[in-house]
């Protein structure tokens, strides 16, 4: 399945504890545990060869029917080392541990909390990243949301506009929010800074309805309403 003779490995870190939405990775949502949504999508992708799950919850995954070697051997579960467990450990340390253990030409990192990301978008992200690699324009990629609205500091100071000149919001300069839907990088780009975002990243705008990220309880309900449509076989409108 290698994409243009390059092995693409997905990194899907998953921990047992969740601070804001209790046990969210394993909670049922629209008919199956949250983690299954993105995992099944990765398995449907035409470009993903292998999925690595770095976790402190192997037993919980097993209770939910996922074991090492599932999906015809395309899933590997790695037990997270004690020194990189906890809520305040940088995700870059977890990724570094996986990269050292699993060789690949391209790494695609995503989260269980982005359950609406589609295989079509994943495929497009990999293609855009590979093009950037081949041309030398980019060494990494990350998903973003574009915003054209009026921003203020906590002190009420305007950031990107003049309150005395109310131009249309669509005419304001765009700002881009890192949305955590996906990160693409290589061993070389990661090694330069020990981060998933390299020195020449491509900002990739993911579809709005695929970019819901579950951080708070409100996010859960928004994602659930959309996933119920997907579960019924209703395609999300293009955005």
C-alpha atoms as a PDB file:
ATOM      1  CA  UNK A   1       0.000   0.000   0.000  1.00  0.00           C
ATOM      2  CA  UNK A   2       3.026   2.308   0.287  1.00  0.00           C
ATOM      3  CA  UNK A   3       2.294   5.812  -1.047  1.00  0.00           C
ATOM      4  CA  UNK A   4       4.623   6.381  -4.014  1.00  0.00           C
ATOM      5  CA  UNK A   5       6.977   3.754  -2.572  1.00  0.00           C
ATOM      6  CA  UNK A   6       7.031   5.542   0.788  1.00  0.00           C
ATOM      7  CA  UNK A   7       5.824   3.862   3.960  1.00  0.00           C
ATOM      8  CA  UNK A   8       3.273   5.994   5.825  1.00  0.00           C
ATOM      9  CA  UNK A   9       2.779   5.229   9.519  1.00  0.00           C
ATOM     10  CA  UNK A  10      -0.020   6.762  11.566  1.00  0.00           C
ATOM     11  CA  UNK A  11       0.711   7.608  15.191  1.00  0.00           C
ATOM     12  CA  UNK A  12      -2.418   7.538  17.362  1.00  0.00           C
ATOM     13  CA  UNK A  13      -1.469   8.184  21.019  1.00  0.00           C
ATOM     14  CA  UNK A  14      -4.113   7.264  23.543  1.00  0.00           C
ATOM     15  CA  UNK A  15      -4.141   7.548  27.332  1.00  0.00           C
ATOM     16  CA  UNK A  16      -6.558   6.255  29.940  1.00  0.00           C
ATOM     17  CA  UNK A  17      -7.058   9.506  31.839  1.00  0.00           C
ATOM     18  CA  UNK A  18      -8.843  12.551  30.507  1.00  0.00           C
ATOM     19  CA  UNK A  19      -9.027  15.750  32.525  1.00  0.00           C
ATOM     20  CA  UNK A  20     -12.047  17.515  31.026  1.00  0.00           C
ATOM     21  CA  UNK A  21     -14.244  14.758  29.542  1.00  0.00           C
ATOM     22  CA  UNK A  22     -14.005  11.628  31.682  1.00  0.00           C
ATOM     23  CA  UNK A  23     -12.511   8.599  29.892  1.00  0.00           C
ATOM     24  CA  UNK A  24     -13.449  10.196  26.575  1.00  0.00           C
ATOM     25  CA  UNK A  25     -11.190   8.013  24.414  1.00  0.00           C
ATOM     26  CA  UNK A  26     -13.260   4.936  25.302  1.00  0.00           C
ATOM     27  CA  UNK A  27     -16.738   6.396  25.824  1.00  0.00           C
ATOM     28  CA  UNK A  28     -19.469   5.292  23.443  1.00  0.00           C
ATOM     29  CA  UNK A  29     -20.449   7.902  20.886  1.00  0.00           C
ATOM     30  CA  UNK A  30     -22.831   7.342  17.974  1.00  0.00           C
ATOM     31  CA  UNK A  31     -22.649   3.565  18.333  1.00  0.00           C
ATOM     32  CA  UNK A  32     -18.985   2.815  19.077  1.00  0.00           C
ATOM     33  CA  UNK A  33     -16.121   3.890  21.351  1.00  0.00           C
ATOM     34  CA  UNK A  34     -14.647   7.261  20.404  1.00  0.00           C
ATOM     35  CA  UNK A  35     -11.231   5.814  19.477  1.00  0.00           C
ATOM     36  CA  UNK A  36     -12.816   3.496  16.904  1.00  0.00           C
ATOM     37  CA  UNK A  37     -13.981   6.381  14.722  1.00  0.00           C
ATOM     38  CA  UNK A  38     -10.554   7.688  13.762  1.00  0.00           C
ATOM     39  CA  UNK A  39      -8.981   4.223  13.855  1.00  0.00           C
ATOM     40  CA  UNK A  40     -11.529   2.865  11.382  1.00  0.00           C
ATOM     41  CA  UNK A  41     -10.963   5.926   9.192  1.00  0.00           C
ATOM     42  CA  UNK A  42      -7.209   5.345   9.195  1.00  0.00           C
ATOM     43  CA  UNK A  43      -7.815   1.735   8.185  1.00  0.00           C
ATOM     44  CA  UNK A  44      -9.961   2.919   5.255  1.00  0.00           C
ATOM     45  CA  UNK A  45      -7.304   5.321   4.004  1.00  0.00           C
ATOM     46  CA  UNK A  46      -5.534   4.378   0.782  1.00  0.00           C
ATOM     47  CA  UNK A  47      -2.196   5.714   2.046  1.00  0.00           C
ATOM     48  CA  UNK A  48      -1.845   4.551   5.666  1.00  0.00           C
ATOM     49  CA  UNK A  49       0.233   1.381   5.946  1.00  0.00           C
ATOM     50  CA  UNK A  50       0.377   0.936   9.709  1.00  0.00           C
ATOM     51  CA  UNK A  51      -1.059   2.446  12.899  1.00  0.00           C
ATOM     52  CA  UNK A  52       0.928   2.736  16.131  1.00  0.00           C
ATOM     53  CA  UNK A  53      -1.044   3.237  19.354  1.00  0.00           C
ATOM     54  CA  UNK A  54       1.179   4.445  22.194  1.00  0.00           C
ATOM     55  CA  UNK A  55      -0.882   3.960  25.343  1.00  0.00           C
ATOM     56  CA  UNK A  56      -1.090   3.336  29.070  1.00  0.00           C
ATOM     57  CA  UNK A  57      -4.470   1.675  28.547  1.00  0.00           C
ATOM     58  CA  UNK A  58      -3.767  -1.622  26.777  1.00  0.00           C
ATOM     59  CA  UNK A  59      -6.216  -3.418  29.061  1.00  0.00           C
ATOM     60  CA  UNK A  60      -9.005  -0.916  28.347  1.00  0.00           C
ATOM     61  CA  UNK A  61      -8.429  -1.279  24.613  1.00  0.00           C
ATOM     62  CA  UNK A  62      -8.637  -5.056  24.995  1.00  0.00           C
ATOM     63  CA  UNK A  63     -11.901  -4.723  26.910  1.00  0.00           C
ATOM     64  CA  UNK A  64     -13.177  -2.720  23.938  1.00  0.00           C
ATOM     65  CA  UNK A  65     -12.125  -5.404  21.459  1.00  0.00           C
ATOM     66  CA  UNK A  66      -8.830  -3.979  20.185  1.00  0.00           C
ATOM     67  CA  UNK A  67      -5.632  -5.992  20.512  1.00  0.00           C
ATOM     68  CA  UNK A  68      -2.104  -5.870  19.145  1.00  0.00           C
ATOM     69  CA  UNK A  69      -2.019  -7.139  15.560  1.00  0.00           C
ATOM     70  CA  UNK A  70      -5.674  -6.437  14.762  1.00  0.00           C
ATOM     71  CA  UNK A  71      -6.787  -5.216  11.334  1.00  0.00           C
ATOM     72  CA  UNK A  72      -4.687  -7.894   9.613  1.00  0.00           C
ATOM     73  CA  UNK A  73      -1.576  -6.903  11.515  1.00  0.00           C
ATOM     74  CA  UNK A  74      -1.805  -3.220  10.654  1.00  0.00           C
ATOM     75  CA  UNK A  75      -2.204  -2.114  14.290  1.00  0.00           C
ATOM     76  CA  UNK A  76       0.611  -2.182  16.831  1.00  0.00           C
ATOM     77  CA  UNK A  77      -0.067  -1.321  20.471  1.00  0.00           C
ATOM     78  CA  UNK A  78       2.965   0.037  22.340  1.00  0.00           C
ATOM     79  CA  UNK A  79       2.947   0.349  26.123  1.00  0.00           C
ATOM     80  CA  UNK A  80       3.779   3.907  27.125  1.00  0.00           C
ATOM     81  CA  UNK A  81       6.911   4.185  29.222  1.00  0.00           C
ATOM     82  CA  UNK A  82       6.377   5.357  32.796  1.00  0.00           C
ATOM     83  CA  UNK A  83       8.591   8.411  32.331  1.00  0.00           C
ATOM     84  CA  UNK A  84       6.372   9.771  29.538  1.00  0.00           C
ATOM     85  CA  UNK A  85       3.017   9.130  31.230  1.00  0.00           C
ATOM     86  CA  UNK A  86       0.917  11.890  32.758  1.00  0.00           C
ATOM     87  CA  UNK A  87      -1.137  14.927  31.814  1.00  0.00           C
ATOM     88  CA  UNK A  88       1.798  17.340  31.667  1.00  0.00           C
ATOM     89  CA  UNK A  89       4.179  15.345  29.466  1.00  0.00           C
ATOM     90  CA  UNK A  90       4.875  16.912  26.071  1.00  0.00           C
ATOM     91  CA  UNK A  91       3.322  14.978  23.205  1.00  0.00           C
ATOM     92  CA  UNK A  92       6.599  15.435  21.350  1.00  0.00           C
ATOM     93  CA  UNK A  93       8.265  13.069  23.842  1.00  0.00           C
ATOM     94  CA  UNK A  94       5.649  10.398  23.117  1.00  0.00           C
ATOM     95  CA  UNK A  95       6.120  10.840  19.375  1.00  0.00           C
ATOM     96  CA  UNK A  96       9.892  10.693  19.734  1.00  0.00           C
ATOM     97  CA  UNK A  97       9.573   7.336  21.508  1.00  0.00           C
ATOM     98  CA  UNK A  98       7.460   5.938  18.657  1.00  0.00           C
ATOM     99  CA  UNK A  99       9.716   7.293  15.924  1.00  0.00           C
ATOM    100  CA  UNK A 100      12.779   5.719  17.509  1.00  0.00           C
ATOM    101  CA  UNK A 101      11.012   2.359  17.672  1.00  0.00           C
ATOM    102  CA  UNK A 102       9.206   2.309  14.322  1.00  0.00           C
ATOM    103  CA  UNK A 103      10.927   3.236  11.066  1.00  0.00           C
ATOM    104  CA  UNK A 104       8.857   4.945   8.384  1.00  0.00           C
ATOM    105  CA  UNK A 105       9.313   7.349   5.486  1.00  0.00           C
ATOM    106  CA  UNK A 106       6.396   9.537   6.569  1.00  0.00           C
ATOM    107  CA  UNK A 107       4.575   9.843   9.897  1.00  0.00           C
ATOM    108  CA  UNK A 108       0.968  11.011  10.192  1.00  0.00           C
ATOM    109  CA  UNK A 109      -0.069  11.894  13.729  1.00  0.00           C
ATOM    110  CA  UNK A 110      -3.674  12.431  14.781  1.00  0.00           C
ATOM    111  CA  UNK A 111      -5.916  12.120  17.850  1.00  0.00           C
ATOM    112  CA  UNK A 112      -8.957  10.116  18.891  1.00  0.00           C
ATOM    113  CA  UNK A 113     -10.588  13.472  19.641  1.00  0.00           C
ATOM    114  CA  UNK A 114     -10.873  14.256  15.925  1.00  0.00           C
ATOM    115  CA  UNK A 115     -13.422  11.564  15.047  1.00  0.00           C
ATOM    116  CA  UNK A 116     -14.902  13.318  12.010  1.00  0.00           C
ATOM    117  CA  UNK A 117     -11.722  13.500   9.956  1.00  0.00           C
ATOM    118  CA  UNK A 118     -12.340  11.593   6.716  1.00  0.00           C
ATOM    119  CA  UNK A 119     -10.093   9.184   4.850  1.00  0.00           C
ATOM    120  CA  UNK A 120     -10.408  11.462   1.818  1.00  0.00           C
ATOM    121  CA  UNK A 121      -8.955  14.373   3.786  1.00  0.00           C
ATOM    122  CA  UNK A 122      -6.178  12.178   5.201  1.00  0.00           C
ATOM    123  CA  UNK A 123      -5.260  11.052   1.699  1.00  0.00           C
ATOM    124  CA  UNK A 124      -5.230  14.663   0.484  1.00  0.00           C
ATOM    125  CA  UNK A 125      -3.055  15.774   3.404  1.00  0.00           C
ATOM    126  CA  UNK A 126      -0.494  13.053   2.667  1.00  0.00           C
ATOM    127  CA  UNK A 127      -0.453  13.979  -1.031  1.00  0.00           C
ATOM    128  CA  UNK A 128       0.039  17.679  -0.254  1.00  0.00           C
ATOM    129  CA  UNK A 129       2.812  16.894   2.225  1.00  0.00           C
ATOM    130  CA  UNK A 130       4.614  14.568  -0.166  1.00  0.00           C
ATOM    131  CA  UNK A 131       4.480  17.225  -2.870  1.00  0.00           C
ATOM    132  CA  UNK A 132       6.023  19.715  -0.454  1.00  0.00           C
ATOM    133  CA  UNK A 133       8.774  17.241   0.376  1.00  0.00           C
ATOM    134  CA  UNK A 134       9.578  16.530  -3.262  1.00  0.00           C
ATOM    135  CA  UNK A 135       9.740  20.214  -4.197  1.00  0.00           C
ATOM    136  CA  UNK A 136      11.586  21.198  -1.040  1.00  0.00           C
ATOM    137  CA  UNK A 137       8.891  23.734  -0.154  1.00  0.00           C
ATOM    138  CA  UNK A 138       7.888  22.029   3.099  1.00  0.00           C
ATOM    139  CA  UNK A 139       9.289  19.625   5.660  1.00  0.00           C
ATOM    140  CA  UNK A 140       6.103  19.168   7.704  1.00  0.00           C
ATOM    141  CA  UNK A 141       2.352  19.829   7.657  1.00  0.00           C
ATOM    142  CA  UNK A 142      -0.334  20.542  10.211  1.00  0.00           C
ATOM    143  CA  UNK A 143      -4.083  21.030  10.057  1.00  0.00           C
ATOM    144  CA  UNK A 144      -5.600  24.464  10.628  1.00  0.00           C
ATOM    145  CA  UNK A 145      -8.900  26.305  10.829  1.00  0.00           C
ATOM    146  CA  UNK A 146      -9.096  29.664   9.066  1.00  0.00           C
ATOM    147  CA  UNK A 147     -10.723  32.561  10.909  1.00  0.00           C
ATOM    148  CA  UNK A 148     -11.701  35.937   9.539  1.00  0.00           C
ATOM    149  CA  UNK A 149     -13.277  37.675  12.491  1.00  0.00           C
ATOM    150  CA  UNK A 150     -12.482  40.435  14.966  1.00  0.00           C
ATOM    151  CA  UNK A 151      -9.988  39.382  17.644  1.00  0.00           C
ATOM    152  CA  UNK A 152      -9.217  41.155  20.920  1.00  0.00           C
ATOM    153  CA  UNK A 153      -6.729  40.730  23.759  1.00  0.00           C
ATOM    154  CA  UNK A 154      -8.098  39.955  27.262  1.00  0.00           C
ATOM    155  CA  UNK A 155      -7.692  43.683  27.947  1.00  0.00           C
ATOM    156  CA  UNK A 156     -10.058  44.545  25.098  1.00  0.00           C
ATOM    157  CA  UNK A 157      -7.424  45.767  22.659  1.00  0.00           C
ATOM    158  CA  UNK A 158      -8.130  45.093  18.997  1.00  0.00           C
ATOM    159  CA  UNK A 159      -5.643  42.680  17.420  1.00  0.00           C
ATOM    160  CA  UNK A 160      -6.378  42.454  13.718  1.00  0.00           C
ATOM    161  CA  UNK A 161      -8.738  45.335  13.017  1.00  0.00           C
ATOM    162  CA  UNK A 162      -9.600  48.930  13.776  1.00  0.00           C
ATOM    163  CA  UNK A 163     -12.889  49.202  15.727  1.00  0.00           C
ATOM    164  CA  UNK A 164     -13.356  52.661  14.255  1.00  0.00           C
ATOM    165  CA  UNK A 165     -13.366  51.257  10.732  1.00  0.00           C
ATOM    166  CA  UNK A 166     -15.829  48.398  10.567  1.00  0.00           C
ATOM    167  CA  UNK A 167     -14.816  46.691   7.353  1.00  0.00           C
ATOM    168  CA  UNK A 168     -16.513  43.411   6.456  1.00  0.00           C
ATOM    169  CA  UNK A 169     -15.134  40.435   8.374  1.00  0.00           C
ATOM    170  CA  UNK A 170     -14.529  38.557   5.104  1.00  0.00           C
ATOM    171  CA  UNK A 171     -12.143  41.362   4.132  1.00  0.00           C
ATOM    172  CA  UNK A 172     -10.045  41.017   7.297  1.00  0.00           C
ATOM    173  CA  UNK A 173      -6.669  39.248   7.021  1.00  0.00           C
ATOM    174  CA  UNK A 174      -7.091  35.551   7.829  1.00  0.00           C
ATOM    175  CA  UNK A 175      -5.703  34.030  11.010  1.00  0.00           C
ATOM    176  CA  UNK A 176      -5.032  30.300  11.270  1.00  0.00           C
ATOM    177  CA  UNK A 177      -5.700  28.106  14.296  1.00  0.00           C
ATOM    178  CA  UNK A 178      -3.811  24.840  14.771  1.00  0.00           C
ATOM    179  CA  UNK A 179      -6.662  22.322  15.071  1.00  0.00           C
ATOM    180  CA  UNK A 180      -4.781  19.089  15.957  1.00  0.00           C
ATOM    181  CA  UNK A 181      -6.562  17.096  13.232  1.00  0.00           C
ATOM    182  CA  UNK A 182      -3.317  15.944  11.676  1.00  0.00           C
ATOM    183  CA  UNK A 183       0.442  16.410  11.573  1.00  0.00           C
ATOM    184  CA  UNK A 184       2.804  15.076   8.931  1.00  0.00           C
ATOM    185  CA  UNK A 185       6.564  14.907   9.291  1.00  0.00           C
ATOM    186  CA  UNK A 186       9.627  12.769   8.658  1.00  0.00           C
ATOM    187  CA  UNK A 187      12.381  11.525  10.931  1.00  0.00           C
ATOM    188  CA  UNK A 188      14.660  14.241   9.550  1.00  0.00           C
ATOM    189  CA  UNK A 189      12.225  17.100  10.109  1.00  0.00           C
ATOM    190  CA  UNK A 190      11.331  15.892  13.612  1.00  0.00           C
ATOM    191  CA  UNK A 191      14.983  15.543  14.581  1.00  0.00           C
ATOM    192  CA  UNK A 192      15.832  19.166  13.754  1.00  0.00           C
ATOM    193  CA  UNK A 193      13.722  20.540  16.612  1.00  0.00           C
ATOM    194  CA  UNK A 194      12.354  17.393  18.287  1.00  0.00           C
ATOM    195  CA  UNK A 195       8.883  18.620  17.382  1.00  0.00           C
ATOM    196  CA  UNK A 196       6.139  17.475  15.036  1.00  0.00           C
ATOM    197  CA  UNK A 197       6.101  20.891  13.327  1.00  0.00           C
ATOM    198  CA  UNK A 198       9.320  21.420  11.406  1.00  0.00           C
ATOM    199  CA  UNK A 199      11.102  24.509  10.118  1.00  0.00           C
ATOM    200  CA  UNK A 200       9.086  24.823   6.871  1.00  0.00           C
ATOM    201  CA  UNK A 201       5.542  23.684   7.677  1.00  0.00           C
ATOM    202  CA  UNK A 202       2.612  23.661   5.288  1.00  0.00           C
ATOM    203  CA  UNK A 203      -0.606  24.912   6.892  1.00  0.00           C
ATOM    204  CA  UNK A 204      -3.407  22.681   5.600  1.00  0.00           C
ATOM    205  CA  UNK A 205      -6.979  23.907   5.998  1.00  0.00           C
ATOM    206  CA  UNK A 206      -9.162  20.917   6.892  1.00  0.00           C
ATOM    207  CA  UNK A 207     -12.932  20.963   6.209  1.00  0.00           C
ATOM    208  CA  UNK A 208     -14.790  22.750   9.017  1.00  0.00           C
ATOM    209  CA  UNK A 209     -17.216  19.918   9.813  1.00  0.00           C
ATOM    210  CA  UNK A 210     -14.341  17.421   9.971  1.00  0.00           C
ATOM    211  CA  UNK A 211     -12.341  19.605  12.316  1.00  0.00           C
ATOM    212  CA  UNK A 212     -14.371  19.311  15.518  1.00  0.00           C
ATOM    213  CA  UNK A 213     -11.900  18.617  18.320  1.00  0.00           C
ATOM    214  CA  UNK A 214     -13.315  17.170  21.538  1.00  0.00           C
ATOM    215  CA  UNK A 215     -11.809  19.067  24.450  1.00  0.00           C
ATOM    216  CA  UNK A 216     -14.864  20.114  26.447  1.00  0.00           C
ATOM    217  CA  UNK A 217     -18.286  18.592  27.119  1.00  0.00           C
ATOM    218  CA  UNK A 218     -19.852  20.954  24.570  1.00  0.00           C
ATOM    219  CA  UNK A 219     -17.487  19.622  21.899  1.00  0.00           C
ATOM    220  CA  UNK A 220     -18.667  16.090  22.673  1.00  0.00           C
ATOM    221  CA  UNK A 221     -22.284  16.963  21.925  1.00  0.00           C
ATOM    222  CA  UNK A 222     -21.390  18.763  18.693  1.00  0.00           C
ATOM    223  CA  UNK A 223     -19.310  15.813  17.532  1.00  0.00           C
ATOM    224  CA  UNK A 224     -22.011  13.330  18.516  1.00  0.00           C
ATOM    225  CA  UNK A 225     -24.689  15.116  16.501  1.00  0.00           C
ATOM    226  CA  UNK A 226     -22.487  14.990  13.409  1.00  0.00           C
ATOM    227  CA  UNK A 227     -21.340  11.401  13.985  1.00  0.00           C
ATOM    228  CA  UNK A 228     -24.952  10.239  14.242  1.00  0.00           C
ATOM    229  CA  UNK A 229     -25.443  11.516  10.693  1.00  0.00           C
ATOM    230  CA  UNK A 230     -22.339   9.646   9.567  1.00  0.00           C
ATOM    231  CA  UNK A 231     -23.478   6.470  11.350  1.00  0.00           C
ATOM    232  CA  UNK A 232     -26.780   6.681   9.463  1.00  0.00           C
ATOM    233  CA  UNK A 233     -24.916   6.924   6.184  1.00  0.00           C
ATOM    234  CA  UNK A 234     -25.639  10.612   5.635  1.00  0.00           C
ATOM    235  CA  UNK A 235     -22.715  12.457   4.116  1.00  0.00           C
ATOM    236  CA  UNK A 236     -21.641  15.668   5.808  1.00  0.00           C
ATOM    237  CA  UNK A 237     -22.108  18.751   3.626  1.00  0.00           C
ATOM    238  CA  UNK A 238     -18.935  20.105   2.071  1.00  0.00           C
ATOM    239  CA  UNK A 239     -17.491  23.066   3.907  1.00  0.00           C
END
